[in-house]
Amino acid sequence: MVFGLIGAAYYKSLYPGWGNWGLRSNGLIKPFLIGWVWAGAVSFAPVFFYDLTHPGSTHTTDLITWLLFLKNWLFISLLCILFDIKDYATDANQPLKTWVVKMGLRKTLFGLIIPVAFMSLGIYWVLAWLEDFSLIRILFNTIPYILLITVSTQMHRRKSILYYLAIIDGLMLVKAICGALGMLGT
């Protein structure tokens, strides 16, 4: 329910009594909220519902479930921060201050995106070690992180909106494909 409530609270227009307050209007929290809801929906909620349908099952509290949630949360949050780059000029003149506006493009890429991408990759490797994943599965699931880090080093120049859409959505698609291919190698 927490993930659903946060997702609903994202849009202040749904709650006129809140006035100008809404989770979407905080540019520093916004990417992490989107990542939180997304990771909750794909990493945590399925395990929770499994536990509900199998009395006595407690996978929701397993370290593995939380590591999976954490690595997905960070990965998607980073994609959201990268997507904010396209609106840098507009956001700089608005009350919405994103990570790119606050830190600058270069510091956001090299001081936030790349280090957190390595941290998320490290969490994945710990998860893979704890679950004894095959080398093929580990390699396939490492590809999206390598691409995320590579793309981040190339985003210091202005690009078209289509470029940002292709990169961000493309990285999500690559992550899904690599995850599926990695499962075939188990």
N, C-alpha and C. Protein backbone atom coordinates (compact mmCIF):
# COMPACT_ATOMS: atom_id res chain seq x y z
N MET A 1 0.82 -1.20 0.00
CA MET A 1 0.00 0.00 0.00
C MET A 1 0.86 1.26 0.00
N VAL A 2 2.03 1.16 0.63
CA VAL A 2 2.91 2.34 0.71
C VAL A 2 3.28 2.81 -0.69
N PHE A 3 3.61 1.88 -1.57
CA PHE A 3 4.02 2.24 -2.92
C PHE A 3 2.87 2.89 -3.68
N GLY A 4 1.67 2.37 -3.51
CA GLY A 4 0.49 2.94 -4.15
C GLY A 4 0.17 4.32 -3.62
N LEU A 5 0.29 4.52 -2.32
CA LEU A 5 0.02 5.83 -1.73
C LEU A 5 1.03 6.88 -2.19
N ILE A 6 2.28 6.48 -2.25
CA ILE A 6 3.31 7.42 -2.73
C ILE A 6 3.06 7.75 -4.20
N GLY A 7 2.72 6.73 -4.99
CA GLY A 7 2.40 6.98 -6.40
C GLY A 7 1.22 7.93 -6.55
N ALA A 8 0.20 7.76 -5.73
CA ALA A 8 -0.98 8.65 -5.79
C ALA A 8 -0.64 10.06 -5.31
N ALA A 9 0.22 10.17 -4.29
CA ALA A 9 0.58 11.48 -3.75
C ALA A 9 1.48 12.26 -4.69
N TYR A 10 1.97 11.62 -5.72
CA TYR A 10 2.83 12.28 -6.70
C TYR A 10 2.10 13.42 -7.41
N TYR A 11 0.81 13.22 -7.64
CA TYR A 11 0.02 14.21 -8.38
C TYR A 11 -0.82 15.03 -7.43
N LYS A 12 -0.45 16.29 -7.23
CA LYS A 12 -1.19 17.16 -6.32
C LYS A 12 -2.57 17.50 -6.86
N SER A 13 -2.76 17.41 -8.18
CA SER A 13 -4.07 17.74 -8.75
C SER A 13 -5.15 16.75 -8.29
N LEU A 14 -4.75 15.58 -7.81
CA LEU A 14 -5.72 14.62 -7.29
C LEU A 14 -6.24 15.02 -5.92
N TYR A 15 -5.52 15.94 -5.26
CA TYR A 15 -5.85 16.32 -3.89
C TYR A 15 -5.89 17.84 -3.78
N PRO A 16 -6.99 18.47 -4.20
CA PRO A 16 -7.06 19.93 -4.22
C PRO A 16 -6.88 20.55 -2.83
N GLY A 17 -7.19 19.84 -1.78
CA GLY A 17 -7.04 20.36 -0.43
C GLY A 17 -5.59 20.56 -0.01
N TRP A 18 -4.65 19.97 -0.74
CA TRP A 18 -3.24 20.09 -0.40
C TRP A 18 -2.63 21.42 -0.83
N GLY A 19 -3.36 22.20 -1.61
CA GLY A 19 -2.82 23.46 -2.10
C GLY A 19 -1.74 23.22 -3.13
N ASN A 20 -0.62 23.89 -2.98
CA ASN A 20 0.48 23.76 -3.95
C ASN A 20 1.44 22.63 -3.61
N TRP A 21 1.18 21.94 -2.51
CA TRP A 21 2.09 20.88 -2.10
C TRP A 21 1.82 19.60 -2.87
N GLY A 22 2.86 18.92 -3.28
CA GLY A 22 2.76 17.63 -3.95
C GLY A 22 4.16 17.06 -4.08
N LEU A 23 4.25 15.75 -4.10
CA LEU A 23 5.57 15.13 -4.18
C LEU A 23 6.27 15.44 -5.49
N ARG A 24 5.50 15.67 -6.54
CA ARG A 24 6.08 15.94 -7.86
C ARG A 24 6.82 17.28 -7.90
N SER A 25 6.44 18.20 -7.02
CA SER A 25 7.01 19.54 -7.07
C SER A 25 8.38 19.65 -6.40
N ASN A 26 8.91 18.57 -5.86
CA ASN A 26 10.24 18.58 -5.29
C ASN A 26 11.18 17.84 -6.23
N GLY A 27 11.96 18.60 -6.97
CA GLY A 27 12.82 18.03 -8.00
C GLY A 27 13.91 17.11 -7.50
N LEU A 28 14.31 17.26 -6.23
CA LEU A 28 15.36 16.40 -5.69
C LEU A 28 14.80 15.05 -5.25
N ILE A 29 13.57 15.04 -4.81
CA ILE A 29 12.95 13.80 -4.34
C ILE A 29 12.26 13.06 -5.49
N LYS A 30 11.78 13.81 -6.46
CA LYS A 30 10.97 13.25 -7.55
C LYS A 30 11.55 12.00 -8.21
N PRO A 31 12.81 11.98 -8.65
CA PRO A 31 13.31 10.78 -9.31
C PRO A 31 13.36 9.57 -8.38
N PHE A 32 13.63 9.82 -7.11
CA PHE A 32 13.70 8.72 -6.15
C PHE A 32 12.32 8.18 -5.81
N LEU A 33 11.31 9.06 -5.86
CA LEU A 33 9.93 8.60 -5.65
C LEU A 33 9.45 7.74 -6.81
N ILE A 34 9.76 8.17 -8.01
CA ILE A 34 9.38 7.39 -9.19
C ILE A 34 10.08 6.02 -9.13
N GLY A 35 11.37 6.03 -8.84
CA GLY A 35 12.11 4.77 -8.71
C GLY A 35 11.58 3.90 -7.59
N TRP A 36 11.18 4.51 -6.47
CA TRP A 36 10.64 3.78 -5.32
C TRP A 36 9.35 3.06 -5.69
N VAL A 37 8.45 3.78 -6.33
CA VAL A 37 7.16 3.18 -6.72
C VAL A 37 7.38 2.09 -7.76
N TRP A 38 8.22 2.35 -8.74
CA TRP A 38 8.49 1.36 -9.79
C TRP A 38 9.12 0.11 -9.18
N ALA A 39 10.16 0.28 -8.36
CA ALA A 39 10.83 -0.87 -7.75
C ALA A 39 9.90 -1.61 -6.80
N GLY A 40 9.05 -0.88 -6.10
CA GLY A 40 8.08 -1.53 -5.23
C GLY A 40 7.11 -2.39 -6.00
N ALA A 41 6.69 -1.88 -7.15
CA ALA A 41 5.72 -2.61 -7.97
C ALA A 41 6.31 -3.86 -8.61
N VAL A 42 7.58 -3.81 -8.99
CA VAL A 42 8.16 -4.96 -9.70
C VAL A 42 9.03 -5.86 -8.83
N SER A 43 9.50 -5.35 -7.70
CA SER A 43 10.42 -6.14 -6.86
C SER A 43 9.78 -6.61 -5.57
N PHE A 44 9.04 -5.75 -4.94
CA PHE A 44 8.53 -6.04 -3.61
C PHE A 44 7.09 -6.58 -3.62
N ALA A 45 6.23 -5.94 -4.39
CA ALA A 45 4.81 -6.33 -4.41
C ALA A 45 4.59 -7.79 -4.81
N PRO A 46 5.26 -8.32 -5.84
CA PRO A 46 5.03 -9.73 -6.18
C PRO A 46 5.39 -10.69 -5.03
N VAL A 47 6.48 -10.38 -4.34
CA VAL A 47 6.89 -11.23 -3.22
C VAL A 47 5.88 -11.11 -2.08
N PHE A 48 5.42 -9.90 -1.83
CA PHE A 48 4.42 -9.68 -0.78
C PHE A 48 3.13 -10.46 -1.07
N PHE A 49 2.68 -10.40 -2.32
CA PHE A 49 1.46 -11.12 -2.68
C PHE A 49 1.67 -12.64 -2.65
N TYR A 50 2.87 -13.08 -2.98
CA TYR A 50 3.18 -14.51 -2.83
C TYR A 50 3.05 -14.92 -1.37
N ASP A 51 3.63 -14.11 -0.49
CA ASP A 51 3.55 -14.41 0.94
C ASP A 51 2.10 -14.43 1.43
N LEU A 52 1.27 -13.53 0.90
CA LEU A 52 -0.15 -13.50 1.30
C LEU A 52 -0.89 -14.76 0.86
N THR A 53 -0.54 -15.27 -0.30
CA THR A 53 -1.26 -16.45 -0.83
C THR A 53 -0.67 -17.76 -0.34
N HIS A 54 0.46 -17.71 0.32
CA HIS A 54 1.09 -18.92 0.87
C HIS A 54 1.31 -18.70 2.37
N PRO A 55 0.31 -19.00 3.17
CA PRO A 55 0.41 -18.77 4.63
C PRO A 55 1.68 -19.39 5.21
N GLY A 56 2.34 -18.61 6.05
CA GLY A 56 3.58 -19.06 6.67
C GLY A 56 4.82 -18.65 5.90
N SER A 57 4.65 -18.19 4.66
CA SER A 57 5.78 -17.75 3.84
C SER A 57 6.20 -16.34 4.28
N THR A 58 7.49 -16.11 4.39
CA THR A 58 7.99 -14.80 4.86
C THR A 58 9.09 -14.26 3.96
N HIS A 59 8.93 -14.42 2.66
CA HIS A 59 9.95 -13.93 1.73
C HIS A 59 10.02 -12.41 1.68
N THR A 60 8.96 -11.74 2.10
CA THR A 60 8.93 -10.29 2.11
C THR A 60 10.03 -9.72 3.01
N THR A 61 10.35 -10.42 4.05
CA THR A 61 11.36 -9.93 4.99
C THR A 61 12.76 -10.42 4.67
N ASP A 62 12.92 -11.22 3.63
CA ASP A 62 14.24 -11.76 3.26
C ASP A 62 15.17 -10.65 2.78
N LEU A 63 16.43 -10.80 3.10
CA LEU A 63 17.46 -9.87 2.64
C LEU A 63 17.48 -9.80 1.11
N ILE A 64 17.29 -10.91 0.46
CA ILE A 64 17.31 -10.97 -1.01
C ILE A 64 16.23 -10.06 -1.60
N THR A 65 15.04 -10.10 -1.04
CA THR A 65 13.94 -9.25 -1.52
C THR A 65 14.32 -7.78 -1.40
N TRP A 66 14.90 -7.41 -0.29
CA TRP A 66 15.26 -6.01 -0.07
C TRP A 66 16.44 -5.58 -0.93
N LEU A 67 17.39 -6.47 -1.18
CA LEU A 67 18.49 -6.14 -2.09
C LEU A 67 17.99 -5.95 -3.52
N LEU A 68 17.07 -6.81 -3.94
CA LEU A 68 16.47 -6.67 -5.26
C LEU A 68 15.73 -5.34 -5.38
N PHE A 69 14.96 -5.03 -4.37
CA PHE A 69 14.24 -3.75 -4.35
C PHE A 69 15.22 -2.58 -4.42
N LEU A 70 16.27 -2.62 -3.61
CA LEU A 70 17.23 -1.52 -3.55
C LEU A 70 17.95 -1.31 -4.86
N LYS A 71 18.42 -2.38 -5.49
CA LYS A 71 19.15 -2.22 -6.76
C LYS A 71 18.23 -1.70 -7.85
N ASN A 72 16.98 -2.16 -7.89
CA ASN A 72 16.03 -1.65 -8.89
C ASN A 72 15.65 -0.20 -8.61
N TRP A 73 15.47 0.14 -7.34
CA TRP A 73 15.13 1.50 -6.96
C TRP A 73 16.22 2.48 -7.42
N LEU A 74 17.47 2.13 -7.16
CA LEU A 74 18.57 3.01 -7.55
C LEU A 74 18.68 3.12 -9.06
N PHE A 75 18.57 2.00 -9.77
CA PHE A 75 18.72 2.02 -11.22
C PHE A 75 17.65 2.92 -11.87
N ILE A 76 16.40 2.72 -11.50
CA ILE A 76 15.33 3.52 -12.10
C ILE A 76 15.43 4.98 -11.68
N SER A 77 15.81 5.24 -10.44
CA SER A 77 15.98 6.63 -10.00
C SER A 77 17.05 7.34 -10.82
N LEU A 78 18.13 6.62 -11.14
CA LEU A 78 19.18 7.21 -11.97
C LEU A 78 18.67 7.52 -13.37
N LEU A 79 17.86 6.65 -13.92
CA LEU A 79 17.28 6.92 -15.24
C LEU A 79 16.41 8.17 -15.19
N CYS A 80 15.68 8.34 -14.10
CA CYS A 80 14.83 9.52 -13.95
C CYS A 80 15.67 10.80 -13.86
N ILE A 81 16.79 10.73 -13.15
CA ILE A 81 17.67 11.89 -13.05
C ILE A 81 18.27 12.20 -14.42
N LEU A 82 18.67 11.18 -15.16
CA LEU A 82 19.18 11.40 -16.51
C LEU A 82 18.13 12.04 -17.40
N PHE A 83 16.89 11.64 -17.23
CA PHE A 83 15.81 12.20 -18.05
C PHE A 83 15.60 13.68 -17.74
N ASP A 84 15.90 14.11 -16.52
CA ASP A 84 15.77 15.52 -16.16
C ASP A 84 16.77 16.40 -16.90
N ILE A 85 17.81 15.82 -17.45
CA ILE A 85 18.81 16.60 -18.18
C ILE A 85 18.18 17.32 -19.36
N LYS A 86 17.22 16.67 -20.02
CA LYS A 86 16.61 17.28 -21.20
C LYS A 86 15.87 18.57 -20.86
N ASP A 87 15.41 18.73 -19.61
CA ASP A 87 14.66 19.92 -19.20
C ASP A 87 15.51 20.90 -18.39
N TYR A 88 16.80 20.76 -18.45
CA TYR A 88 17.69 21.58 -17.63
C TYR A 88 17.41 23.07 -17.79
N ALA A 89 17.37 23.56 -19.02
CA ALA A 89 17.18 24.99 -19.25
C ALA A 89 15.84 25.48 -18.72
N THR A 90 14.80 24.70 -18.94
CA THR A 90 13.46 25.08 -18.46
C THR A 90 13.39 25.03 -16.94
N ASP A 91 13.90 23.96 -16.35
CA ASP A 91 13.84 23.80 -14.89
C ASP A 91 14.66 24.85 -14.15
N ALA A 92 15.72 25.32 -14.76
CA ALA A 92 16.56 26.34 -14.11
C ALA A 92 15.79 27.64 -13.91
N ASN A 93 14.80 27.90 -14.76
CA ASN A 93 14.01 29.12 -14.66
C ASN A 93 12.67 28.91 -13.95
N GLN A 94 12.47 27.74 -13.41
CA GLN A 94 11.22 27.39 -12.72
C GLN A 94 11.51 27.16 -11.24
N PRO A 95 10.46 27.11 -10.45
CA PRO A 95 10.67 26.79 -9.03
C PRO A 95 11.12 25.34 -8.81
N LEU A 96 10.92 24.48 -9.80
CA LEU A 96 11.31 23.07 -9.69
C LEU A 96 12.82 22.96 -9.88
N LYS A 97 13.53 22.63 -8.81
CA LYS A 97 14.99 22.51 -8.87
C LYS A 97 15.36 21.04 -8.84
N THR A 98 15.84 20.55 -9.97
CA THR A 98 16.23 19.15 -10.10
C THR A 98 17.69 18.99 -9.69
N TRP A 99 18.16 17.74 -9.67
CA TRP A 99 19.57 17.48 -9.35
C TRP A 99 20.48 18.19 -10.34
N VAL A 100 20.10 18.20 -11.59
CA VAL A 100 20.94 18.82 -12.62
C VAL A 100 21.02 20.33 -12.40
N VAL A 101 19.90 20.95 -12.02
CA VAL A 101 19.89 22.39 -11.75
C VAL A 101 20.71 22.70 -10.50
N LYS A 102 20.54 21.91 -9.45
CA LYS A 102 21.24 22.16 -8.18
C LYS A 102 22.74 21.93 -8.28
N MET A 103 23.13 20.83 -8.90
CA MET A 103 24.54 20.43 -8.92
C MET A 103 25.28 20.82 -10.19
N GLY A 104 24.55 21.06 -11.25
CA GLY A 104 25.18 21.25 -12.55
C GLY A 104 25.27 19.92 -13.26
N LEU A 105 25.38 19.97 -14.57
CA LEU A 105 25.35 18.75 -15.37
C LEU A 105 26.53 17.83 -15.08
N ARG A 106 27.72 18.36 -15.11
CA ARG A 106 28.92 17.53 -14.93
C ARG A 106 28.96 16.87 -13.54
N LYS A 107 28.65 17.64 -12.49
CA LYS A 107 28.66 17.07 -11.14
C LYS A 107 27.55 16.05 -10.96
N THR A 108 26.42 16.27 -11.62
CA THR A 108 25.33 15.29 -11.53
C THR A 108 25.76 13.98 -12.17
N LEU A 109 26.37 14.06 -13.35
CA LEU A 109 26.79 12.85 -14.06
C LEU A 109 27.92 12.13 -13.32
N PHE A 110 28.97 12.86 -12.99
CA PHE A 110 30.16 12.22 -12.45
C PHE A 110 30.19 12.14 -10.92
N GLY A 111 29.38 12.95 -10.25
CA GLY A 111 29.35 12.94 -8.79
C GLY A 111 28.16 12.22 -8.20
N LEU A 112 27.13 11.98 -9.03
CA LEU A 112 25.93 11.31 -8.53
C LEU A 112 25.60 10.06 -9.34
N ILE A 113 25.36 10.23 -10.63
CA ILE A 113 24.90 9.13 -11.47
C ILE A 113 25.89 7.97 -11.49
N ILE A 114 27.11 8.24 -11.85
CA ILE A 114 28.10 7.16 -12.00
C ILE A 114 28.41 6.49 -10.66
N PRO A 115 28.66 7.22 -9.57
CA PRO A 115 28.91 6.52 -8.30
C PRO A 115 27.71 5.69 -7.82
N VAL A 116 26.50 6.22 -7.96
CA VAL A 116 25.32 5.46 -7.52
C VAL A 116 25.08 4.26 -8.44
N ALA A 117 25.42 4.40 -9.73
CA ALA A 117 25.31 3.25 -10.65
C ALA A 117 26.26 2.14 -10.21
N PHE A 118 27.47 2.50 -9.82
CA PHE A 118 28.40 1.49 -9.32
C PHE A 118 27.89 0.88 -8.01
N MET A 119 27.28 1.69 -7.16
CA MET A 119 26.72 1.17 -5.92
C MET A 119 25.59 0.18 -6.20
N SER A 120 24.71 0.53 -7.14
CA SER A 120 23.62 -0.37 -7.52
C SER A 120 24.16 -1.66 -8.13
N LEU A 121 25.18 -1.55 -8.96
CA LEU A 121 25.82 -2.74 -9.53
C LEU A 121 26.43 -3.60 -8.43
N GLY A 122 27.07 -2.97 -7.46
CA GLY A 122 27.63 -3.71 -6.33
C GLY A 122 26.56 -4.45 -5.55
N ILE A 123 25.40 -3.82 -5.37
CA ILE A 123 24.28 -4.48 -4.69
C ILE A 123 23.83 -5.69 -5.50
N TYR A 124 23.78 -5.53 -6.83
CA TYR A 124 23.42 -6.67 -7.67
C TYR A 124 24.42 -7.80 -7.50
N TRP A 125 25.72 -7.48 -7.50
CA TRP A 125 26.73 -8.53 -7.37
C TRP A 125 26.63 -9.24 -6.02
N VAL A 126 26.31 -8.50 -4.96
CA VAL A 126 26.10 -9.14 -3.65
C VAL A 126 24.90 -10.08 -3.73
N LEU A 127 23.82 -9.60 -4.35
CA LEU A 127 22.62 -10.42 -4.54
C LEU A 127 22.96 -11.68 -5.33
N ALA A 128 23.73 -11.52 -6.41
CA ALA A 128 24.12 -12.65 -7.26
C ALA A 128 24.98 -13.65 -6.48
N TRP A 129 25.86 -13.14 -5.65
CA TRP A 129 26.72 -14.01 -4.84
C TRP A 129 25.89 -14.77 -3.80
N LEU A 130 24.98 -14.05 -3.13
CA LEU A 130 24.14 -14.69 -2.11
C LEU A 130 23.23 -15.76 -2.70
N GLU A 131 22.77 -15.54 -3.91
CA GLU A 131 21.85 -16.48 -4.56
C GLU A 131 22.57 -17.47 -5.48
N ASP A 132 23.90 -17.35 -5.56
CA ASP A 132 24.71 -18.27 -6.35
C ASP A 132 24.28 -18.29 -7.83
N PHE A 133 24.14 -17.09 -8.42
CA PHE A 133 23.77 -16.97 -9.82
C PHE A 133 24.89 -17.52 -10.70
N SER A 134 24.52 -17.99 -11.88
CA SER A 134 25.51 -18.47 -12.85
C SER A 134 26.28 -17.27 -13.42
N LEU A 135 27.46 -17.55 -13.94
CA LEU A 135 28.27 -16.48 -14.53
C LEU A 135 27.54 -15.82 -15.70
N ILE A 136 26.87 -16.60 -16.51
CA ILE A 136 26.11 -16.06 -17.65
C ILE A 136 25.05 -15.08 -17.16
N ARG A 137 24.33 -15.47 -16.13
CA ARG A 137 23.28 -14.59 -15.58
C ARG A 137 23.88 -13.30 -15.04
N ILE A 138 25.00 -13.40 -14.34
CA ILE A 138 25.66 -12.21 -13.80
C ILE A 138 26.12 -11.30 -14.93
N LEU A 139 26.73 -11.88 -15.96
CA LEU A 139 27.22 -11.07 -17.08
C LEU A 139 26.08 -10.36 -17.81
N PHE A 140 25.01 -11.08 -18.11
CA PHE A 140 23.88 -10.45 -18.79
C PHE A 140 23.29 -9.32 -17.95
N ASN A 141 23.16 -9.52 -16.66
CA ASN A 141 22.56 -8.50 -15.80
C ASN A 141 23.51 -7.36 -15.46
N THR A 142 24.77 -7.50 -15.80
CA THR A 142 25.74 -6.42 -15.62
C THR A 142 25.72 -5.46 -16.82
N ILE A 143 25.31 -5.94 -17.98
CA ILE A 143 25.30 -5.13 -19.21
C ILE A 143 24.54 -3.81 -19.04
N PRO A 144 23.32 -3.79 -18.48
CA PRO A 144 22.62 -2.50 -18.34
C PRO A 144 23.39 -1.48 -17.51
N TYR A 145 24.12 -1.94 -16.51
CA TYR A 145 24.91 -1.02 -15.69
C TYR A 145 26.08 -0.44 -16.47
N ILE A 146 26.73 -1.29 -17.26
CA ILE A 146 27.83 -0.81 -18.10
C ILE A 146 27.31 0.22 -19.09
N LEU A 147 26.15 -0.07 -19.68
CA LEU A 147 25.56 0.89 -20.63
C LEU A 147 25.15 2.19 -19.93
N LEU A 148 24.58 2.10 -18.74
CA LEU A 148 24.18 3.29 -17.98
C LEU A 148 25.39 4.16 -17.69
N ILE A 149 26.47 3.56 -17.26
CA ILE A 149 27.68 4.31 -16.94
C ILE A 149 28.28 4.91 -18.22
N THR A 150 28.30 4.14 -19.30
CA THR A 150 28.82 4.62 -20.58
C THR A 150 28.00 5.79 -21.10
N VAL A 151 26.68 5.65 -21.09
CA VAL A 151 25.79 6.71 -21.55
C VAL A 151 25.99 7.97 -20.71
N SER A 152 26.16 7.79 -19.40
CA SER A 152 26.32 8.94 -18.51
C SER A 152 27.57 9.74 -18.84
N THR A 153 28.60 9.10 -19.32
CA THR A 153 29.82 9.83 -19.67
C THR A 153 29.65 10.61 -20.98
N GLN A 154 28.59 10.31 -21.73
CA GLN A 154 28.37 10.95 -23.03
C GLN A 154 27.26 12.00 -23.01
N MET A 155 26.63 12.24 -21.88
CA MET A 155 25.46 13.11 -21.84
C MET A 155 25.79 14.56 -21.48
N HIS A 156 27.03 14.95 -21.56
CA HIS A 156 27.39 16.32 -21.21
C HIS A 156 27.15 17.31 -22.35
N ARG A 157 26.72 16.82 -23.50
CA ARG A 157 26.36 17.69 -24.63
C ARG A 157 24.85 17.63 -24.84
N ARG A 158 24.26 18.74 -25.27
CA ARG A 158 22.81 18.78 -25.49
C ARG A 158 22.43 17.87 -26.65
N LYS A 159 21.32 17.18 -26.47
CA LYS A 159 20.82 16.24 -27.48
C LYS A 159 19.35 16.52 -27.72
N SER A 160 18.79 15.86 -28.71
CA SER A 160 17.36 16.02 -29.01
C SER A 160 16.53 15.23 -28.00
N ILE A 161 15.26 15.59 -27.89
CA ILE A 161 14.34 14.89 -26.99
C ILE A 161 14.25 13.41 -27.36
N LEU A 162 14.30 13.10 -28.65
CA LEU A 162 14.25 11.72 -29.10
C LEU A 162 15.43 10.92 -28.57
N TYR A 163 16.59 11.57 -28.50
CA TYR A 163 17.79 10.91 -27.96
C TYR A 163 17.55 10.50 -26.50
N TYR A 164 17.04 11.44 -25.69
CA TYR A 164 16.79 11.14 -24.28
C TYR A 164 15.76 10.04 -24.11
N LEU A 165 14.70 10.10 -24.90
CA LEU A 165 13.67 9.06 -24.83
C LEU A 165 14.24 7.70 -25.23
N ALA A 166 15.03 7.68 -26.29
CA ALA A 166 15.61 6.41 -26.75
C ALA A 166 16.58 5.85 -25.72
N ILE A 167 17.39 6.72 -25.13
CA ILE A 167 18.38 6.25 -24.16
C ILE A 167 17.71 5.75 -22.88
N ILE A 168 16.83 6.56 -22.31
CA ILE A 168 16.21 6.19 -21.03
C ILE A 168 15.31 4.97 -21.20
N ASP A 169 14.39 5.03 -22.15
CA ASP A 169 13.52 3.88 -22.38
C ASP A 169 14.30 2.69 -22.90
N GLY A 170 15.33 2.98 -23.70
CA GLY A 170 16.17 1.90 -24.22
C GLY A 170 16.91 1.17 -23.11
N LEU A 171 17.40 1.91 -22.13
CA LEU A 171 18.08 1.27 -21.01
C LEU A 171 17.12 0.40 -20.19
N MET A 172 15.88 0.85 -20.05
CA MET A 172 14.89 0.03 -19.34
C MET A 172 14.61 -1.25 -20.13
N LEU A 173 14.49 -1.12 -21.44
CA LEU A 173 14.23 -2.27 -22.30
C LEU A 173 15.43 -3.23 -22.28
N VAL A 174 16.63 -2.70 -22.38
CA VAL A 174 17.84 -3.52 -22.33
C VAL A 174 17.93 -4.25 -20.99
N LYS A 175 17.59 -3.56 -19.91
CA LYS A 175 17.61 -4.20 -18.58
C LYS A 175 16.64 -5.38 -18.53
N ALA A 176 15.46 -5.20 -19.10
CA ALA A 176 14.47 -6.28 -19.13
C ALA A 176 14.94 -7.45 -20.00
N ILE A 177 15.47 -7.14 -21.17
CA ILE A 177 15.95 -8.19 -22.08
C ILE A 177 17.12 -8.95 -21.47
N CYS A 178 18.06 -8.20 -20.88
CA CYS A 178 19.22 -8.85 -20.26
C CYS A 178 18.80 -9.71 -19.08
N GLY A 179 17.82 -9.26 -18.33
CA GLY A 179 17.31 -10.06 -17.21
C GLY A 179 16.70 -11.36 -17.70
N ALA A 180 15.93 -11.28 -18.80
CA ALA A 180 15.31 -12.47 -19.36
C ALA A 180 16.37 -13.42 -19.94
N LEU A 181 17.34 -12.87 -20.67
CA LEU A 181 18.40 -13.70 -21.24
C LEU A 181 19.25 -14.33 -20.13
N GLY A 182 19.48 -13.58 -19.06
CA GLY A 182 20.24 -14.11 -17.94
C GLY A 182 19.53 -15.30 -17.30
N MET A 183 18.20 -15.25 -17.25
CA MET A 183 17.44 -16.36 -16.69
C MET A 183 17.56 -17.61 -17.55
N LEU A 184 17.71 -17.42 -18.85
CA LEU A 184 17.87 -18.57 -19.75
C LEU A 184 19.20 -19.27 -19.51
N GLY A 185 20.19 -18.51 -19.03
CA GLY A 185 21.52 -19.07 -18.79
C GLY A 185 21.68 -19.70 -17.42
N THR A 186 20.59 -19.86 -16.67
CA THR A 186 20.71 -20.46 -15.33
C THR A 186 20.58 -21.96 -15.38
